[in-house]
Amino acid sequence: MAVLVGKDGRVTVIAKTKPVGAVTWSISQPGPEIIDATIFGSSWKQDKIGIRDGGTISLSGPFNWKTTAQNVIADYFSSGKQFTTGSSFRCWMSTAAAGGSFGLSTGATLIITSVNYSQDKSGIGQMDASLKISGGYMKYTTNA
Protein backbone atom coordinates (compact mmCIF):
# COMPACT_ATOMS: atom_id res chain seq x y z
CA MET A 1 0.00 0.00 0.00
CA ALA A 2 1.32 3.43 -0.91
CA VAL A 3 0.64 6.19 1.58
CA LEU A 4 1.35 9.78 0.58
CA VAL A 5 1.36 12.46 3.24
CA GLY A 6 1.51 16.25 2.91
CA LYS A 7 2.35 18.28 6.01
CA ASP A 8 1.67 22.02 5.94
CA GLY A 9 0.28 21.44 2.47
CA ARG A 10 -3.08 22.57 1.26
CA VAL A 11 -6.20 21.19 -0.32
CA THR A 12 -8.21 23.16 -2.86
CA VAL A 13 -11.69 22.55 -4.26
CA ILE A 14 -13.67 23.99 -7.18
CA ALA A 15 -10.84 26.38 -8.10
CA LYS A 16 -7.22 26.80 -7.05
CA THR A 17 -8.25 30.05 -5.36
CA LYS A 18 -10.45 28.27 -2.78
CA PRO A 19 -8.09 26.55 -0.33
CA VAL A 20 -9.51 24.39 2.44
CA GLY A 21 -6.84 25.90 4.70
CA ALA A 22 -3.52 24.78 6.10
CA VAL A 23 -4.27 21.11 6.50
CA THR A 24 -2.54 17.83 7.01
CA TRP A 25 -3.69 15.38 4.36
CA SER A 26 -3.02 11.75 3.61
CA ILE A 27 -3.78 9.69 0.51
CA SER A 28 -3.84 5.92 0.87
CA GLN A 29 -3.99 3.98 -2.41
CA PRO A 30 -3.79 0.21 -1.87
CA GLY A 31 -2.65 -2.16 -4.58
CA PRO A 32 -4.99 -4.55 -6.34
CA GLU A 33 -6.68 -7.46 -4.64
CA ILE A 34 -4.76 -10.71 -4.99
CA ILE A 35 -6.82 -13.72 -6.14
CA ASP A 36 -5.74 -17.29 -5.50
CA ALA A 37 -5.48 -19.01 -8.90
CA THR A 38 -3.72 -22.19 -7.79
CA ILE A 39 -4.60 -25.29 -9.78
CA PHE A 40 -5.52 -28.35 -7.72
CA GLY A 41 -2.43 -30.52 -7.17
CA SER A 42 0.11 -27.72 -7.72
CA SER A 43 3.16 -27.56 -5.47
CA TRP A 44 3.21 -23.76 -5.45
CA LYS A 45 0.48 -21.24 -4.83
CA GLN A 46 -0.29 -19.01 -7.82
CA ASP A 47 -1.89 -15.60 -7.60
CA LYS A 48 -3.57 -13.31 -10.12
CA ILE A 49 -4.18 -9.61 -9.94
CA GLY A 50 -7.78 -8.73 -9.12
CA ILE A 51 -9.77 -5.52 -9.06
CA ARG A 52 -8.15 -2.30 -7.83
CA ASP A 53 -9.37 -0.05 -5.01
CA GLY A 54 -8.98 3.72 -5.42
CA GLY A 55 -8.19 4.22 -1.74
CA THR A 56 -9.00 6.99 0.72
CA ILE A 57 -8.08 10.58 1.58
CA SER A 58 -7.96 12.00 5.10
CA LEU A 59 -7.91 15.75 5.82
CA SER A 60 -7.45 17.56 9.12
CA GLY A 61 -6.68 21.08 10.20
CA PRO A 62 -8.00 24.30 11.70
CA PHE A 63 -11.64 25.10 10.98
CA ASN A 64 -12.95 28.49 9.93
CA TRP A 65 -16.57 28.99 8.79
CA LYS A 66 -15.41 31.90 6.63
CA THR A 67 -13.28 29.55 4.50
CA THR A 68 -15.32 28.95 1.37
CA ALA A 69 -13.73 25.59 0.53
CA GLN A 70 -14.47 24.18 4.01
CA ASN A 71 -18.09 25.17 3.48
CA VAL A 72 -18.03 23.41 0.10
CA ILE A 73 -16.90 20.19 1.81
CA ALA A 74 -19.66 20.57 4.44
CA ASP A 75 -22.26 21.26 1.72
CA TYR A 76 -21.15 18.29 -0.41
CA PHE A 77 -21.28 16.02 2.64
CA SER A 78 -24.76 17.12 3.75
CA SER A 79 -26.19 16.94 0.20
CA GLY A 80 -24.49 13.66 -0.77
CA LYS A 81 -22.79 15.33 -3.73
CA GLN A 82 -19.51 13.88 -5.02
CA PHE A 83 -16.36 15.58 -6.27
CA THR A 84 -15.63 14.65 -9.89
CA THR A 85 -12.61 15.03 -12.14
CA GLY A 86 -13.77 18.51 -13.19
CA SER A 87 -14.25 19.75 -9.60
CA SER A 88 -10.57 20.67 -9.20
CA PHE A 89 -10.20 18.85 -5.86
CA ARG A 90 -6.42 18.86 -5.35
CA CYS A 91 -4.00 17.95 -2.56
CA TRP A 92 -0.91 20.17 -2.79
CA MET A 93 2.54 19.15 -1.53
CA SER A 94 3.11 22.48 0.22
CA THR A 95 1.43 25.82 0.75
CA ALA A 96 3.55 27.12 -2.12
CA ALA A 97 2.25 25.80 -5.45
CA ALA A 98 5.80 24.91 -6.55
CA GLY A 99 5.75 21.32 -5.31
CA GLY A 100 3.04 19.76 -7.45
CA SER A 101 -0.29 18.26 -6.50
CA PHE A 102 -2.57 15.24 -6.62
CA GLY A 103 -5.88 15.41 -8.50
CA LEU A 104 -8.50 12.90 -9.58
CA SER A 105 -7.74 10.68 -12.56
CA THR A 106 -10.20 10.70 -15.46
CA GLY A 107 -13.52 9.17 -14.43
CA ALA A 108 -12.74 9.11 -10.70
CA THR A 109 -15.02 10.53 -8.02
CA LEU A 110 -14.58 11.39 -4.34
CA ILE A 111 -17.28 10.42 -1.86
CA ILE A 112 -17.14 12.19 1.50
CA THR A 113 -17.68 9.46 4.08
CA SER A 114 -17.32 11.55 7.25
CA VAL A 115 -16.80 15.13 8.42
CA ASN A 116 -16.05 16.02 12.05
CA TYR A 117 -15.87 19.43 13.69
CA SER A 118 -14.64 20.40 17.13
CA GLN A 119 -14.16 23.66 19.02
CA ASP A 120 -12.29 24.20 22.25
CA LYS A 121 -13.18 26.88 24.77
CA SER A 122 -10.37 29.15 23.58
CA GLY A 123 -12.18 29.42 20.23
CA ILE A 124 -9.90 27.24 18.11
CA GLY A 125 -11.89 25.06 15.76
CA GLN A 126 -10.71 21.85 14.11
CA MET A 127 -12.15 19.84 11.24
CA ASP A 128 -11.32 16.48 9.75
CA ALA A 129 -12.84 14.63 6.84
CA SER A 130 -12.53 11.23 5.21
CA LEU A 131 -13.13 10.71 1.50
CA LYS A 132 -13.34 7.52 -0.60
CA ILE A 133 -11.74 7.51 -4.06
CA SER A 134 -14.01 5.62 -6.47
CA GLY A 135 -13.57 4.65 -10.12
CA GLY A 136 -9.94 5.78 -10.35
CA TYR A 137 -7.07 7.15 -8.30
CA MET A 138 -5.30 10.36 -7.27
CA LYS A 139 -2.79 11.28 -9.98
CA TYR A 140 0.35 13.34 -9.24
CA THR A 141 1.22 16.27 -11.51
CA THR A 142 4.16 18.65 -11.21
CA ASN A 143 4.01 22.40 -11.56
CA ALA A 144 6.99 22.75 -13.86
C-alpha atoms as a PDB file:
ATOM      1  CA  MET A   1       0.000   0.000   0.000  1.00  0.00           C
ATOM      2  CA  ALA A   2       1.318   3.429  -0.915  1.00  0.00           C
ATOM      3  CA  VAL A   3       0.639   6.190   1.576  1.00  0.00           C
ATOM      4  CA  LEU A   4       1.347   9.779   0.581  1.00  0.00           C
ATOM      5  CA  VAL A   5       1.356  12.464   3.242  1.00  0.00           C
ATOM      6  CA  GLY A   6       1.511  16.247   2.910  1.00  0.00           C
ATOM      7  CA  LYS A   7       2.349  18.281   6.011  1.00  0.00           C
ATOM      8  CA  ASP A   8       1.672  22.023   5.937  1.00  0.00           C
ATOM      9  CA  GLY A   9       0.278  21.444   2.472  1.00  0.00           C
ATOM     10  CA  ARG A  10      -3.079  22.572   1.263  1.00  0.00           C
ATOM     11  CA  VAL A  11      -6.196  21.194  -0.324  1.00  0.00           C
ATOM     12  CA  THR A  12      -8.210  23.156  -2.859  1.00  0.00           C
ATOM     13  CA  VAL A  13     -11.686  22.553  -4.257  1.00  0.00           C
ATOM     14  CA  ILE A  14     -13.668  23.985  -7.177  1.00  0.00           C
ATOM     15  CA  ALA A  15     -10.840  26.380  -8.100  1.00  0.00           C
ATOM     16  CA  LYS A  16      -7.225  26.802  -7.052  1.00  0.00           C
ATOM     17  CA  THR A  17      -8.247  30.048  -5.359  1.00  0.00           C
ATOM     18  CA  LYS A  18     -10.452  28.270  -2.779  1.00  0.00           C
ATOM     19  CA  PRO A  19      -8.093  26.548  -0.332  1.00  0.00           C
ATOM     20  CA  VAL A  20      -9.509  24.387   2.442  1.00  0.00           C
ATOM     21  CA  GLY A  21      -6.841  25.895   4.697  1.00  0.00           C
ATOM     22  CA  ALA A  22      -3.518  24.775   6.098  1.00  0.00           C
ATOM     23  CA  VAL A  23      -4.273  21.105   6.503  1.00  0.00           C
ATOM     24  CA  THR A  24      -2.535  17.828   7.008  1.00  0.00           C
ATOM     25  CA  TRP A  25      -3.685  15.384   4.357  1.00  0.00           C
ATOM     26  CA  SER A  26      -3.018  11.747   3.615  1.00  0.00           C
ATOM     27  CA  ILE A  27      -3.779   9.691   0.507  1.00  0.00           C
ATOM     28  CA  SER A  28      -3.835   5.916   0.873  1.00  0.00           C
ATOM     29  CA  GLN A  29      -3.995   3.979  -2.406  1.00  0.00           C
ATOM     30  CA  PRO A  30      -3.786   0.214  -1.874  1.00  0.00           C
ATOM     31  CA  GLY A  31      -2.652  -2.160  -4.575  1.00  0.00           C
ATOM     32  CA  PRO A  32      -4.995  -4.550  -6.336  1.00  0.00           C
ATOM     33  CA  GLU A  33      -6.678  -7.465  -4.642  1.00  0.00           C
ATOM     34  CA  ILE A  34      -4.761 -10.711  -4.995  1.00  0.00           C
ATOM     35  CA  ILE A  35      -6.824 -13.716  -6.144  1.00  0.00           C
ATOM     36  CA  ASP A  36      -5.740 -17.292  -5.499  1.00  0.00           C
ATOM     37  CA  ALA A  37      -5.481 -19.011  -8.904  1.00  0.00           C
ATOM     38  CA  THR A  38      -3.724 -22.191  -7.790  1.00  0.00           C
ATOM     39  CA  ILE A  39      -4.597 -25.291  -9.779  1.00  0.00           C
ATOM     40  CA  PHE A  40      -5.519 -28.348  -7.717  1.00  0.00           C
ATOM     41  CA  GLY A  41      -2.429 -30.522  -7.173  1.00  0.00           C
ATOM     42  CA  SER A  42       0.114 -27.716  -7.717  1.00  0.00           C
ATOM     43  CA  SER A  43       3.160 -27.561  -5.471  1.00  0.00           C
ATOM     44  CA  TRP A  44       3.212 -23.758  -5.450  1.00  0.00           C
ATOM     45  CA  LYS A  45       0.484 -21.239  -4.834  1.00  0.00           C
ATOM     46  CA  GLN A  46      -0.292 -19.015  -7.824  1.00  0.00           C
ATOM     47  CA  ASP A  47      -1.894 -15.602  -7.605  1.00  0.00           C
ATOM     48  CA  LYS A  48      -3.566 -13.310 -10.122  1.00  0.00           C
ATOM     49  CA  ILE A  49      -4.183  -9.605  -9.942  1.00  0.00           C
ATOM     50  CA  GLY A  50      -7.783  -8.729  -9.120  1.00  0.00           C
ATOM     51  CA  ILE A  51      -9.767  -5.521  -9.059  1.00  0.00           C
ATOM     52  CA  ARG A  52      -8.155  -2.302  -7.833  1.00  0.00           C
ATOM     53  CA  ASP A  53      -9.370  -0.050  -5.015  1.00  0.00           C
ATOM     54  CA  GLY A  54      -8.982   3.723  -5.421  1.00  0.00           C
ATOM     55  CA  GLY A  55      -8.194   4.223  -1.739  1.00  0.00           C
ATOM     56  CA  THR A  56      -8.998   6.988   0.720  1.00  0.00           C
ATOM     57  CA  ILE A  57      -8.081  10.578   1.578  1.00  0.00           C
ATOM     58  CA  SER A  58      -7.959  12.004   5.098  1.00  0.00           C
ATOM     59  CA  LEU A  59      -7.906  15.746   5.819  1.00  0.00           C
ATOM     60  CA  SER A  60      -7.451  17.562   9.120  1.00  0.00           C
ATOM     61  CA  GLY A  61      -6.675  21.078  10.202  1.00  0.00           C
ATOM     62  CA  PRO A  62      -8.000  24.302  11.698  1.00  0.00           C
ATOM     63  CA  PHE A  63     -11.641  25.095  10.978  1.00  0.00           C
ATOM     64  CA  ASN A  64     -12.952  28.490   9.928  1.00  0.00           C
ATOM     65  CA  TRP A  65     -16.566  28.994   8.792  1.00  0.00           C
ATOM     66  CA  LYS A  66     -15.413  31.901   6.631  1.00  0.00           C
ATOM     67  CA  THR A  67     -13.280  29.549   4.502  1.00  0.00           C
ATOM     68  CA  THR A  68     -15.321  28.948   1.366  1.00  0.00           C
ATOM     69  CA  ALA A  69     -13.733  25.593   0.533  1.00  0.00           C
ATOM     70  CA  GLN A  70     -14.469  24.179   4.008  1.00  0.00           C
ATOM     71  CA  ASN A  71     -18.088  25.169   3.479  1.00  0.00           C
ATOM     72  CA  VAL A  72     -18.034  23.409   0.096  1.00  0.00           C
ATOM     73  CA  ILE A  73     -16.898  20.194   1.808  1.00  0.00           C
ATOM     74  CA  ALA A  74     -19.655  20.572   4.436  1.00  0.00           C
ATOM     75  CA  ASP A  75     -22.258  21.265   1.715  1.00  0.00           C
ATOM     76  CA  TYR A  76     -21.146  18.294  -0.413  1.00  0.00           C
ATOM     77  CA  PHE A  77     -21.277  16.025   2.645  1.00  0.00           C
ATOM     78  CA  SER A  78     -24.763  17.123   3.748  1.00  0.00           C
ATOM     79  CA  SER A  79     -26.192  16.944   0.205  1.00  0.00           C
ATOM     80  CA  GLY A  80     -24.491  13.659  -0.768  1.00  0.00           C
ATOM     81  CA  LYS A  81     -22.791  15.334  -3.732  1.00  0.00           C
ATOM     82  CA  GLN A  82     -19.507  13.880  -5.024  1.00  0.00           C
ATOM     83  CA  PHE A  83     -16.356  15.575  -6.274  1.00  0.00           C
ATOM     84  CA  THR A  84     -15.635  14.649  -9.894  1.00  0.00           C
ATOM     85  CA  THR A  85     -12.606  15.031 -12.144  1.00  0.00           C
ATOM     86  CA  GLY A  86     -13.766  18.514 -13.189  1.00  0.00           C
ATOM     87  CA  SER A  87     -14.253  19.754  -9.599  1.00  0.00           C
ATOM     88  CA  SER A  88     -10.567  20.670  -9.195  1.00  0.00           C
ATOM     89  CA  PHE A  89     -10.205  18.846  -5.856  1.00  0.00           C
ATOM     90  CA  ARG A  90      -6.424  18.865  -5.348  1.00  0.00           C
ATOM     91  CA  CYS A  91      -4.005  17.952  -2.560  1.00  0.00           C
ATOM     92  CA  TRP A  92      -0.912  20.172  -2.792  1.00  0.00           C
ATOM     93  CA  MET A  93       2.539  19.147  -1.534  1.00  0.00           C
ATOM     94  CA  SER A  94       3.110  22.483   0.218  1.00  0.00           C
ATOM     95  CA  THR A  95       1.430  25.824   0.751  1.00  0.00           C
ATOM     96  CA  ALA A  96       3.550  27.118  -2.122  1.00  0.00           C
ATOM     97  CA  ALA A  97       2.248  25.799  -5.446  1.00  0.00           C
ATOM     98  CA  ALA A  98       5.796  24.911  -6.551  1.00  0.00           C
ATOM     99  CA  GLY A  99       5.747  21.318  -5.315  1.00  0.00           C
ATOM    100  CA  GLY A 100       3.040  19.760  -7.455  1.00  0.00           C
ATOM    101  CA  SER A 101      -0.290  18.260  -6.500  1.00  0.00           C
ATOM    102  CA  PHE A 102      -2.574  15.238  -6.619  1.00  0.00           C
ATOM    103  CA  GLY A 103      -5.876  15.410  -8.498  1.00  0.00           C
ATOM    104  CA  LEU A 104      -8.503  12.901  -9.584  1.00  0.00           C
ATOM    105  CA  SER A 105      -7.739  10.677 -12.557  1.00  0.00           C
ATOM    106  CA  THR A 106     -10.203  10.698 -15.465  1.00  0.00           C
ATOM    107  CA  GLY A 107     -13.520   9.170 -14.433  1.00  0.00           C
ATOM    108  CA  ALA A 108     -12.742   9.114 -10.705  1.00  0.00           C
ATOM    109  CA  THR A 109     -15.018  10.531  -8.019  1.00  0.00           C
ATOM    110  CA  LEU A 110     -14.577  11.389  -4.338  1.00  0.00           C
ATOM    111  CA  ILE A 111     -17.278  10.423  -1.857  1.00  0.00           C
ATOM    112  CA  ILE A 112     -17.143  12.193   1.499  1.00  0.00           C
ATOM    113  CA  THR A 113     -17.676   9.459   4.082  1.00  0.00           C
ATOM    114  CA  SER A 114     -17.316  11.548   7.250  1.00  0.00           C
ATOM    115  CA  VAL A 115     -16.800  15.128   8.416  1.00  0.00           C
ATOM    116  CA  ASN A 116     -16.048  16.019  12.050  1.00  0.00           C
ATOM    117  CA  TYR A 117     -15.870  19.433  13.689  1.00  0.00           C
ATOM    118  CA  SER A 118     -14.645  20.403  17.135  1.00  0.00           C
ATOM    119  CA  GLN A 119     -14.162  23.656  19.025  1.00  0.00           C
ATOM    120  CA  ASP A 120     -12.295  24.197  22.252  1.00  0.00           C
ATOM    121  CA  LYS A 121     -13.182  26.878  24.767  1.00  0.00           C
ATOM    122  CA  SER A 122     -10.373  29.151  23.578  1.00  0.00           C
ATOM    123  CA  GLY A 123     -12.184  29.416  20.231  1.00  0.00           C
ATOM    124  CA  ILE A 124      -9.899  27.244  18.110  1.00  0.00           C
ATOM    125  CA  GLY A 125     -11.889  25.061  15.758  1.00  0.00           C
ATOM    126  CA  GLN A 126     -10.709  21.851  14.115  1.00  0.00           C
ATOM    127  CA  MET A 127     -12.150  19.840  11.237  1.00  0.00           C
ATOM    128  CA  ASP A 128     -11.324  16.482   9.751  1.00  0.00           C
ATOM    129  CA  ALA A 129     -12.839  14.629   6.842  1.00  0.00           C
ATOM    130  CA  SER A 130     -12.532  11.227   5.205  1.00  0.00           C
ATOM    131  CA  LEU A 131     -13.131  10.709   1.500  1.00  0.00           C
ATOM    132  CA  LYS A 132     -13.335   7.523  -0.596  1.00  0.00           C
ATOM    133  CA  ILE A 133     -11.739   7.508  -4.058  1.00  0.00           C
ATOM    134  CA  SER A 134     -14.008   5.618  -6.466  1.00  0.00           C
ATOM    135  CA  GLY A 135     -13.570   4.649 -10.118  1.00  0.00           C
ATOM    136  CA  GLY A 136      -9.937   5.778 -10.350  1.00  0.00           C
ATOM    137  CA  TYR A 137      -7.071   7.153  -8.302  1.00  0.00           C
ATOM    138  CA  MET A 138      -5.296  10.365  -7.266  1.00  0.00           C
ATOM    139  CA  LYS A 139      -2.786  11.282  -9.977  1.00  0.00           C
ATOM    140  CA  TYR A 140       0.347  13.341  -9.240  1.00  0.00           C
ATOM    141  CA  THR A 141       1.223  16.273 -11.505  1.00  0.00           C
ATOM    142  CA  THR A 142       4.163  18.649 -11.210  1.00  0.00           C
ATOM    143  CA  ASN A 143       4.012  22.403 -11.557  1.00  0.00           C
ATOM    144  CA  ALA A 144       6.990  22.746 -13.856  1.00  0.00           C
END
